[in-house]
Amino acid sequence: MKIGEACYIFEHIDSEEYTDEEKGMAIYKVMKMPTHNSFTRFSMLKVIEYLLSLSFELPEENKQ
Protein backbone atom coordinates (compact mmCIF):
# COMPACT_ATOMS: atom_id res chain seq x y z
CA MET A 1 0.00 0.00 0.00
CA LYS A 2 1.36 3.39 -0.99
CA ILE A 3 1.29 6.29 1.45
CA GLY A 4 -1.29 8.23 -0.59
CA GLU A 5 -3.75 5.35 -0.40
CA ALA A 6 -3.00 4.90 3.30
CA CYS A 7 -3.75 8.57 3.96
CA TYR A 8 -7.00 8.34 2.01
CA ILE A 9 -8.16 5.28 3.96
CA PHE A 10 -7.11 6.94 7.22
CA GLU A 11 -9.21 10.00 6.37
CA HIS A 12 -12.18 7.75 5.45
CA ILE A 13 -11.88 5.21 8.26
CA ASP A 14 -15.69 4.84 8.49
CA SER A 15 -15.94 3.68 4.88
CA GLU A 16 -17.18 0.15 4.38
CA GLU A 17 -15.23 0.04 1.12
CA TYR A 18 -12.11 -1.20 2.95
CA THR A 19 -11.53 -4.26 5.10
CA ASP A 20 -10.33 -4.08 8.70
CA GLU A 21 -6.96 -5.39 7.49
CA GLU A 22 -6.64 -2.58 4.93
CA LYS A 23 -7.63 -0.03 7.54
CA GLY A 24 -5.09 -1.49 9.96
CA MET A 25 -2.31 -1.29 7.39
CA ALA A 26 -3.28 2.30 6.56
CA ILE A 27 -3.22 3.26 10.23
CA TYR A 28 0.19 1.63 10.63
CA LYS A 29 1.59 3.46 7.57
CA VAL A 30 0.27 6.79 8.84
CA MET A 31 1.60 6.08 12.32
CA LYS A 32 5.10 5.59 10.84
CA MET A 33 5.02 8.91 8.97
CA PRO A 34 7.49 11.50 10.29
CA THR A 35 4.78 14.15 10.70
CA HIS A 36 0.99 14.16 11.00
CA ASN A 37 0.29 17.83 10.34
CA SER A 38 -1.85 17.06 7.30
CA PHE A 39 -4.47 15.27 9.41
CA THR A 40 -7.20 17.06 11.28
CA ARG A 41 -7.94 16.41 14.92
CA PHE A 42 -11.35 15.12 13.81
CA SER A 43 -9.85 12.44 11.54
CA MET A 44 -7.42 11.38 14.30
CA LEU A 45 -10.31 11.06 16.75
CA LYS A 46 -12.34 9.02 14.24
CA VAL A 47 -9.43 6.57 13.93
CA ILE A 48 -9.14 6.32 17.72
CA GLU A 49 -12.88 5.67 17.91
CA TYR A 50 -12.56 3.00 15.19
CA LEU A 51 -9.73 1.25 17.05
CA LEU A 52 -11.61 1.36 20.35
CA SER A 53 -14.69 -0.13 18.70
CA LEU A 54 -12.62 -3.13 17.64
CA SER A 55 -11.75 -3.92 21.25
CA PHE A 56 -14.66 -2.62 23.29
CA GLU A 57 -18.39 -2.25 23.07
CA LEU A 58 -18.77 1.51 23.01
CA PRO A 59 -21.91 3.16 24.34
CA GLU A 60 -24.15 4.78 21.77
CA GLU A 61 -24.46 8.51 22.17
CA ASN A 62 -27.89 10.01 22.69
CA LYS A 63 -28.86 11.93 19.57
CA GLN A 64 -31.33 14.69 20.26
C-alpha atoms as a PDB file:
ATOM      1  CA  MET A   1       0.000   0.000   0.000  1.00  0.00           C
ATOM      2  CA  LYS A   2       1.358   3.394  -0.986  1.00  0.00           C
ATOM      3  CA  ILE A   3       1.289   6.294   1.449  1.00  0.00           C
ATOM      4  CA  GLY A   4      -1.292   8.226  -0.591  1.00  0.00           C
ATOM      5  CA  GLU A   5      -3.745   5.347  -0.401  1.00  0.00           C
ATOM      6  CA  ALA A   6      -3.001   4.899   3.304  1.00  0.00           C
ATOM      7  CA  CYS A   7      -3.751   8.569   3.962  1.00  0.00           C
ATOM      8  CA  TYR A   8      -6.999   8.343   2.010  1.00  0.00           C
ATOM      9  CA  ILE A   9      -8.160   5.284   3.959  1.00  0.00           C
ATOM     10  CA  PHE A  10      -7.109   6.938   7.222  1.00  0.00           C
ATOM     11  CA  GLU A  11      -9.210   9.999   6.370  1.00  0.00           C
ATOM     12  CA  HIS A  12     -12.180   7.749   5.449  1.00  0.00           C
ATOM     13  CA  ILE A  13     -11.878   5.211   8.256  1.00  0.00           C
ATOM     14  CA  ASP A  14     -15.686   4.845   8.494  1.00  0.00           C
ATOM     15  CA  SER A  15     -15.937   3.685   4.884  1.00  0.00           C
ATOM     16  CA  GLU A  16     -17.185   0.147   4.385  1.00  0.00           C
ATOM     17  CA  GLU A  17     -15.232   0.037   1.115  1.00  0.00           C
ATOM     18  CA  TYR A  18     -12.111  -1.198   2.953  1.00  0.00           C
ATOM     19  CA  THR A  19     -11.528  -4.261   5.103  1.00  0.00           C
ATOM     20  CA  ASP A  20     -10.330  -4.080   8.697  1.00  0.00           C
ATOM     21  CA  GLU A  21      -6.964  -5.389   7.485  1.00  0.00           C
ATOM     22  CA  GLU A  22      -6.639  -2.585   4.932  1.00  0.00           C
ATOM     23  CA  LYS A  23      -7.625  -0.035   7.544  1.00  0.00           C
ATOM     24  CA  GLY A  24      -5.092  -1.494   9.961  1.00  0.00           C
ATOM     25  CA  MET A  25      -2.312  -1.285   7.390  1.00  0.00           C
ATOM     26  CA  ALA A  26      -3.285   2.296   6.556  1.00  0.00           C
ATOM     27  CA  ILE A  27      -3.223   3.262  10.232  1.00  0.00           C
ATOM     28  CA  TYR A  28       0.186   1.628  10.629  1.00  0.00           C
ATOM     29  CA  LYS A  29       1.593   3.460   7.574  1.00  0.00           C
ATOM     30  CA  VAL A  30       0.273   6.791   8.838  1.00  0.00           C
ATOM     31  CA  MET A  31       1.602   6.075  12.319  1.00  0.00           C
ATOM     32  CA  LYS A  32       5.097   5.587  10.837  1.00  0.00           C
ATOM     33  CA  MET A  33       5.018   8.915   8.966  1.00  0.00           C
ATOM     34  CA  PRO A  34       7.487  11.501  10.295  1.00  0.00           C
ATOM     35  CA  THR A  35       4.779  14.150  10.704  1.00  0.00           C
ATOM     36  CA  HIS A  36       0.991  14.155  10.996  1.00  0.00           C
ATOM     37  CA  ASN A  37       0.291  17.833  10.340  1.00  0.00           C
ATOM     38  CA  SER A  38      -1.850  17.056   7.297  1.00  0.00           C
ATOM     39  CA  PHE A  39      -4.473  15.270   9.409  1.00  0.00           C
ATOM     40  CA  THR A  40      -7.202  17.061  11.285  1.00  0.00           C
ATOM     41  CA  ARG A  41      -7.937  16.411  14.921  1.00  0.00           C
ATOM     42  CA  PHE A  42     -11.350  15.124  13.813  1.00  0.00           C
ATOM     43  CA  SER A  43      -9.848  12.441  11.543  1.00  0.00           C
ATOM     44  CA  MET A  44      -7.419  11.377  14.298  1.00  0.00           C
ATOM     45  CA  LEU A  45     -10.309  11.056  16.747  1.00  0.00           C
ATOM     46  CA  LYS A  46     -12.342   9.017  14.236  1.00  0.00           C
ATOM     47  CA  VAL A  47      -9.428   6.572  13.931  1.00  0.00           C
ATOM     48  CA  ILE A  48      -9.141   6.316  17.725  1.00  0.00           C
ATOM     49  CA  GLU A  49     -12.878   5.665  17.912  1.00  0.00           C
ATOM     50  CA  TYR A  50     -12.564   3.002  15.191  1.00  0.00           C
ATOM     51  CA  LEU A  51      -9.726   1.253  17.045  1.00  0.00           C
ATOM     52  CA  LEU A  52     -11.608   1.358  20.352  1.00  0.00           C
ATOM     53  CA  SER A  53     -14.693  -0.126  18.704  1.00  0.00           C
ATOM     54  CA  LEU A  54     -12.615  -3.133  17.637  1.00  0.00           C
ATOM     55  CA  SER A  55     -11.753  -3.925  21.253  1.00  0.00           C
ATOM     56  CA  PHE A  56     -14.659  -2.618  23.292  1.00  0.00           C
ATOM     57  CA  GLU A  57     -18.390  -2.246  23.070  1.00  0.00           C
ATOM     58  CA  LEU A  58     -18.770   1.508  23.010  1.00  0.00           C
ATOM     59  CA  PRO A  59     -21.912   3.163  24.344  1.00  0.00           C
ATOM     60  CA  GLU A  60     -24.152   4.778  21.775  1.00  0.00           C
ATOM     61  CA  GLU A  61     -24.462   8.506  22.174  1.00  0.00           C
ATOM     62  CA  ASN A  62     -27.893  10.008  22.687  1.00  0.00           C
ATOM     63  CA  LYS A  63     -28.856  11.932  19.574  1.00  0.00           C
ATOM     64  CA  GLN A  64     -31.332  14.694  20.259  1.00  0.00           C
END
